[in-house]
């Protein structure tokens, strides 16, 4: 986590690390119909509320998440498009 935070800060981002627990997706687990509700409940424990609190600030928020399944879960659970940290660094260079 520390290296990703430093990487994003070096690219000019202000970084807030969220004590997020788990997104609830766990690879393909959350995509399976019989696990979907459980998967979303896990995300609702900490990650989703933390991200949604940022929306209340009115600031522009970019969400970084290195895992493919985590990025999908974040978007499904919060409406935030989440990006791989390298994608955010690429955006800062444009």
N, C-alpha and C. Protein backbone atom coordinates (compact mmCIF):
# COMPACT_ATOMS: atom_id res chain seq x y z
N UNK A 1 0.82 -1.19 0.00
CA UNK A 1 0.00 0.00 0.00
C UNK A 1 0.87 1.26 0.00
N UNK A 2 1.95 1.22 0.76
CA UNK A 2 2.82 2.39 0.85
C UNK A 2 3.43 2.77 -0.48
N UNK A 3 3.83 1.78 -1.26
CA UNK A 3 4.44 2.06 -2.57
C UNK A 3 3.42 2.67 -3.52
N UNK A 4 2.20 2.17 -3.49
CA UNK A 4 1.15 2.73 -4.36
C UNK A 4 0.84 4.16 -3.95
N UNK A 5 0.77 4.41 -2.66
CA UNK A 5 0.52 5.78 -2.18
C UNK A 5 1.63 6.72 -2.64
N UNK A 6 2.88 6.31 -2.49
CA UNK A 6 4.01 7.14 -2.90
C UNK A 6 4.00 7.37 -4.41
N UNK A 7 3.68 6.34 -5.17
CA UNK A 7 3.61 6.41 -6.63
C UNK A 7 2.58 7.46 -7.06
N UNK A 8 1.39 7.43 -6.45
CA UNK A 8 0.34 8.37 -6.80
C UNK A 8 0.68 9.80 -6.35
N UNK A 9 1.28 9.93 -5.19
CA UNK A 9 1.69 11.26 -4.72
C UNK A 9 2.75 11.85 -5.64
N UNK A 10 3.68 11.02 -6.10
CA UNK A 10 4.72 11.49 -7.02
C UNK A 10 4.12 11.97 -8.33
N UNK A 11 2.96 11.43 -8.69
CA UNK A 11 2.28 11.84 -9.93
C UNK A 11 1.40 13.07 -9.70
N UNK A 12 1.39 13.59 -8.46
CA UNK A 12 0.66 14.82 -8.19
C UNK A 12 -0.69 14.66 -7.52
N UNK A 13 -1.06 13.45 -7.16
CA UNK A 13 -2.34 13.21 -6.51
C UNK A 13 -2.24 13.44 -5.01
N UNK A 14 -3.30 13.96 -4.44
CA UNK A 14 -3.47 13.97 -3.00
C UNK A 14 -4.11 12.63 -2.67
N UNK A 15 -3.52 11.88 -1.76
CA UNK A 15 -3.95 10.51 -1.52
C UNK A 15 -4.50 10.34 -0.11
N UNK A 16 -5.66 9.73 -0.03
CA UNK A 16 -6.23 9.31 1.25
C UNK A 16 -6.41 7.80 1.18
N UNK A 17 -5.73 7.11 2.06
CA UNK A 17 -5.85 5.65 2.10
C UNK A 17 -7.05 5.30 2.96
N UNK A 18 -7.94 4.50 2.42
CA UNK A 18 -9.17 4.12 3.10
C UNK A 18 -8.93 2.80 3.83
N UNK A 19 -9.25 2.77 5.12
CA UNK A 19 -9.19 1.52 5.88
C UNK A 19 -10.43 0.74 5.48
N UNK A 20 -10.30 -0.03 4.39
CA UNK A 20 -11.47 -0.52 3.68
C UNK A 20 -11.92 -1.93 3.98
N UNK A 21 -11.12 -2.70 4.66
CA UNK A 21 -11.50 -4.10 4.80
C UNK A 21 -11.47 -4.77 3.43
N UNK A 22 -12.55 -5.40 3.06
CA UNK A 22 -12.62 -6.15 1.81
C UNK A 22 -13.76 -5.60 0.95
N UNK A 23 -13.57 -5.62 -0.36
CA UNK A 23 -14.63 -5.17 -1.27
C UNK A 23 -15.75 -6.18 -1.36
N UNK A 24 -15.47 -7.44 -1.03
CA UNK A 24 -16.50 -8.47 -1.06
C UNK A 24 -16.56 -9.29 -2.34
N UNK A 25 -15.81 -8.90 -3.34
CA UNK A 25 -15.88 -9.62 -4.61
C UNK A 25 -15.14 -10.95 -4.56
N UNK A 26 -13.92 -10.93 -4.06
CA UNK A 26 -13.11 -12.15 -3.93
C UNK A 26 -13.02 -12.93 -5.24
N UNK A 27 -12.41 -12.31 -6.24
CA UNK A 27 -12.29 -12.97 -7.55
C UNK A 27 -13.65 -13.09 -8.20
N UNK A 28 -14.05 -14.29 -8.56
CA UNK A 28 -15.34 -14.51 -9.21
C UNK A 28 -16.48 -14.72 -8.21
N UNK A 29 -16.18 -14.81 -6.93
CA UNK A 29 -17.18 -15.11 -5.90
C UNK A 29 -18.41 -14.21 -6.02
N UNK A 30 -18.21 -12.91 -6.09
CA UNK A 30 -19.32 -11.97 -6.12
C UNK A 30 -20.11 -11.96 -7.41
N UNK A 31 -19.55 -12.53 -8.47
CA UNK A 31 -20.27 -12.61 -9.73
C UNK A 31 -21.28 -13.75 -9.75
N UNK A 32 -21.09 -14.71 -8.86
CA UNK A 32 -21.99 -15.86 -8.83
C UNK A 32 -23.30 -15.46 -8.16
N UNK A 33 -24.42 -15.76 -8.80
CA UNK A 33 -25.73 -15.33 -8.34
C UNK A 33 -25.98 -15.69 -6.88
N UNK A 34 -25.56 -16.88 -6.48
CA UNK A 34 -25.84 -17.31 -5.11
C UNK A 34 -25.00 -16.58 -4.06
N UNK A 35 -23.96 -15.84 -4.50
CA UNK A 35 -23.10 -15.11 -3.56
C UNK A 35 -23.25 -13.60 -3.67
N UNK A 36 -24.02 -13.12 -4.62
CA UNK A 36 -24.08 -11.68 -4.89
C UNK A 36 -24.47 -10.88 -3.65
N UNK A 37 -25.53 -11.27 -2.96
CA UNK A 37 -25.98 -10.51 -1.78
C UNK A 37 -24.91 -10.49 -0.69
N UNK A 38 -24.28 -11.62 -0.46
CA UNK A 38 -23.21 -11.69 0.54
C UNK A 38 -22.06 -10.79 0.14
N UNK A 39 -21.71 -10.83 -1.12
CA UNK A 39 -20.62 -10.03 -1.64
C UNK A 39 -20.88 -8.54 -1.42
N UNK A 40 -22.08 -8.09 -1.72
CA UNK A 40 -22.41 -6.68 -1.54
C UNK A 40 -22.46 -6.30 -0.07
N UNK A 41 -22.91 -7.20 0.79
CA UNK A 41 -22.94 -6.92 2.23
C UNK A 41 -21.54 -6.74 2.79
N UNK A 42 -20.59 -7.51 2.30
CA UNK A 42 -19.20 -7.36 2.74
C UNK A 42 -18.69 -5.98 2.33
N UNK A 43 -18.95 -5.57 1.11
CA UNK A 43 -18.55 -4.23 0.67
C UNK A 43 -19.19 -3.14 1.49
N UNK A 44 -20.43 -3.37 1.92
CA UNK A 44 -21.17 -2.39 2.73
C UNK A 44 -20.63 -2.26 4.15
N UNK A 45 -19.82 -3.22 4.61
CA UNK A 45 -19.29 -3.16 5.97
C UNK A 45 -18.37 -1.96 6.18
N UNK A 46 -17.51 -1.66 5.22
CA UNK A 46 -16.55 -0.58 5.40
C UNK A 46 -16.21 0.17 4.12
N UNK A 47 -15.92 -0.57 3.04
CA UNK A 47 -15.42 0.08 1.83
C UNK A 47 -16.43 1.02 1.20
N UNK A 48 -17.62 0.54 0.93
CA UNK A 48 -18.60 1.39 0.25
C UNK A 48 -18.93 2.65 1.06
N UNK A 49 -19.22 2.54 2.37
CA UNK A 49 -19.49 3.76 3.14
C UNK A 49 -18.32 4.74 3.14
N UNK A 50 -17.09 4.22 3.21
CA UNK A 50 -15.93 5.11 3.21
C UNK A 50 -15.83 5.87 1.89
N UNK A 51 -16.04 5.18 0.79
CA UNK A 51 -15.96 5.85 -0.51
C UNK A 51 -17.11 6.83 -0.70
N UNK A 52 -18.29 6.44 -0.30
CA UNK A 52 -19.45 7.32 -0.45
C UNK A 52 -19.31 8.57 0.41
N UNK A 53 -18.60 8.48 1.52
CA UNK A 53 -18.34 9.66 2.35
C UNK A 53 -17.51 10.70 1.59
N UNK A 54 -16.61 10.24 0.75
CA UNK A 54 -15.82 11.18 -0.06
C UNK A 54 -16.71 11.95 -1.02
N UNK A 55 -17.73 11.30 -1.55
CA UNK A 55 -18.65 11.97 -2.48
C UNK A 55 -19.29 13.18 -1.80
N UNK A 56 -19.56 13.09 -0.51
CA UNK A 56 -20.21 14.15 0.26
C UNK A 56 -19.34 15.40 0.37
N UNK A 57 -18.02 15.26 0.17
CA UNK A 57 -17.13 16.40 0.31
C UNK A 57 -17.25 17.38 -0.85
N UNK A 58 -17.78 16.93 -1.97
CA UNK A 58 -17.89 17.78 -3.15
C UNK A 58 -16.60 17.90 -3.94
N UNK A 59 -15.54 17.25 -3.46
CA UNK A 59 -14.27 17.28 -4.18
C UNK A 59 -14.27 16.25 -5.29
N UNK A 60 -13.44 16.47 -6.28
CA UNK A 60 -13.25 15.46 -7.32
C UNK A 60 -12.52 14.28 -6.68
N UNK A 61 -13.03 13.09 -6.90
CA UNK A 61 -12.45 11.90 -6.29
C UNK A 61 -12.12 10.89 -7.38
N UNK A 62 -10.89 10.40 -7.36
CA UNK A 62 -10.48 9.28 -8.21
C UNK A 62 -10.21 8.12 -7.28
N UNK A 63 -10.74 6.97 -7.59
CA UNK A 63 -10.56 5.79 -6.75
C UNK A 63 -9.55 4.87 -7.43
N UNK A 64 -8.52 4.51 -6.69
CA UNK A 64 -7.50 3.59 -7.18
C UNK A 64 -7.69 2.23 -6.51
N UNK A 65 -7.69 1.20 -7.32
CA UNK A 65 -7.76 -0.17 -6.82
C UNK A 65 -7.05 -1.06 -7.83
N UNK A 66 -6.02 -1.77 -7.41
CA UNK A 66 -5.26 -2.56 -8.37
C UNK A 66 -5.98 -3.82 -8.86
N UNK A 67 -6.91 -4.35 -8.10
CA UNK A 67 -7.56 -5.60 -8.48
C UNK A 67 -8.71 -5.40 -9.44
N UNK A 68 -8.77 -6.23 -10.49
CA UNK A 68 -9.85 -6.15 -11.49
C UNK A 68 -11.20 -6.36 -10.83
N UNK A 69 -11.32 -7.39 -10.01
CA UNK A 69 -12.61 -7.67 -9.38
C UNK A 69 -12.98 -6.58 -8.39
N UNK A 70 -12.00 -6.03 -7.68
CA UNK A 70 -12.29 -4.93 -6.75
C UNK A 70 -12.81 -3.71 -7.49
N UNK A 71 -12.22 -3.40 -8.63
CA UNK A 71 -12.69 -2.23 -9.40
C UNK A 71 -14.13 -2.42 -9.84
N UNK A 72 -14.48 -3.63 -10.27
CA UNK A 72 -15.87 -3.91 -10.67
C UNK A 72 -16.81 -3.78 -9.48
N UNK A 73 -16.40 -4.31 -8.35
CA UNK A 73 -17.23 -4.28 -7.15
C UNK A 73 -17.43 -2.84 -6.66
N UNK A 74 -16.40 -2.03 -6.70
CA UNK A 74 -16.50 -0.64 -6.28
C UNK A 74 -17.50 0.10 -7.17
N UNK A 75 -17.42 -0.12 -8.46
CA UNK A 75 -18.36 0.55 -9.36
C UNK A 75 -19.79 0.08 -9.11
N UNK A 76 -19.98 -1.22 -8.95
CA UNK A 76 -21.32 -1.75 -8.71
C UNK A 76 -21.88 -1.26 -7.37
N UNK A 77 -21.04 -1.17 -6.35
CA UNK A 77 -21.51 -0.83 -5.02
C UNK A 77 -21.61 0.65 -4.72
N UNK A 78 -20.88 1.48 -5.49
CA UNK A 78 -20.85 2.91 -5.17
C UNK A 78 -21.13 3.82 -6.36
N UNK A 79 -20.98 3.29 -7.56
CA UNK A 79 -21.11 4.13 -8.75
C UNK A 79 -19.81 4.82 -9.13
N UNK A 80 -18.78 4.70 -8.30
CA UNK A 80 -17.47 5.26 -8.64
C UNK A 80 -16.79 4.36 -9.65
N UNK A 81 -16.24 4.95 -10.70
CA UNK A 81 -15.35 4.21 -11.58
C UNK A 81 -14.00 4.14 -10.86
N UNK A 82 -13.49 2.95 -10.65
CA UNK A 82 -12.20 2.78 -10.00
C UNK A 82 -11.16 2.46 -11.06
N UNK A 83 -9.95 2.93 -10.85
CA UNK A 83 -8.88 2.78 -11.82
C UNK A 83 -7.70 2.06 -11.20
N UNK A 84 -6.96 1.35 -12.03
CA UNK A 84 -5.68 0.80 -11.58
C UNK A 84 -4.77 2.01 -11.32
N UNK A 85 -3.94 1.97 -10.30
CA UNK A 85 -3.06 3.11 -10.02
C UNK A 85 -2.24 3.57 -11.22
N UNK A 86 -1.81 2.65 -12.05
CA UNK A 86 -1.02 3.03 -13.22
C UNK A 86 -1.87 3.86 -14.19
N UNK A 87 -3.16 3.56 -14.30
CA UNK A 87 -4.04 4.34 -15.16
C UNK A 87 -4.13 5.78 -14.66
N UNK A 88 -4.17 5.96 -13.35
CA UNK A 88 -4.22 7.33 -12.81
C UNK A 88 -2.93 8.08 -13.07
N UNK A 89 -1.80 7.40 -12.95
CA UNK A 89 -0.53 8.05 -13.27
C UNK A 89 -0.49 8.42 -14.73
N UNK A 90 -0.96 7.54 -15.59
CA UNK A 90 -1.02 7.85 -17.02
C UNK A 90 -1.87 9.09 -17.28
N UNK A 91 -3.02 9.19 -16.61
CA UNK A 91 -3.89 10.37 -16.75
C UNK A 91 -3.17 11.64 -16.34
N UNK A 92 -2.34 11.56 -15.31
CA UNK A 92 -1.66 12.76 -14.82
C UNK A 92 -0.59 13.23 -15.81
N UNK A 93 -0.14 12.34 -16.67
CA UNK A 93 0.90 12.69 -17.64
C UNK A 93 0.33 13.31 -18.91
N UNK A 94 -0.96 13.20 -19.11
CA UNK A 94 -1.56 13.71 -20.35
C UNK A 94 -1.80 15.19 -20.31
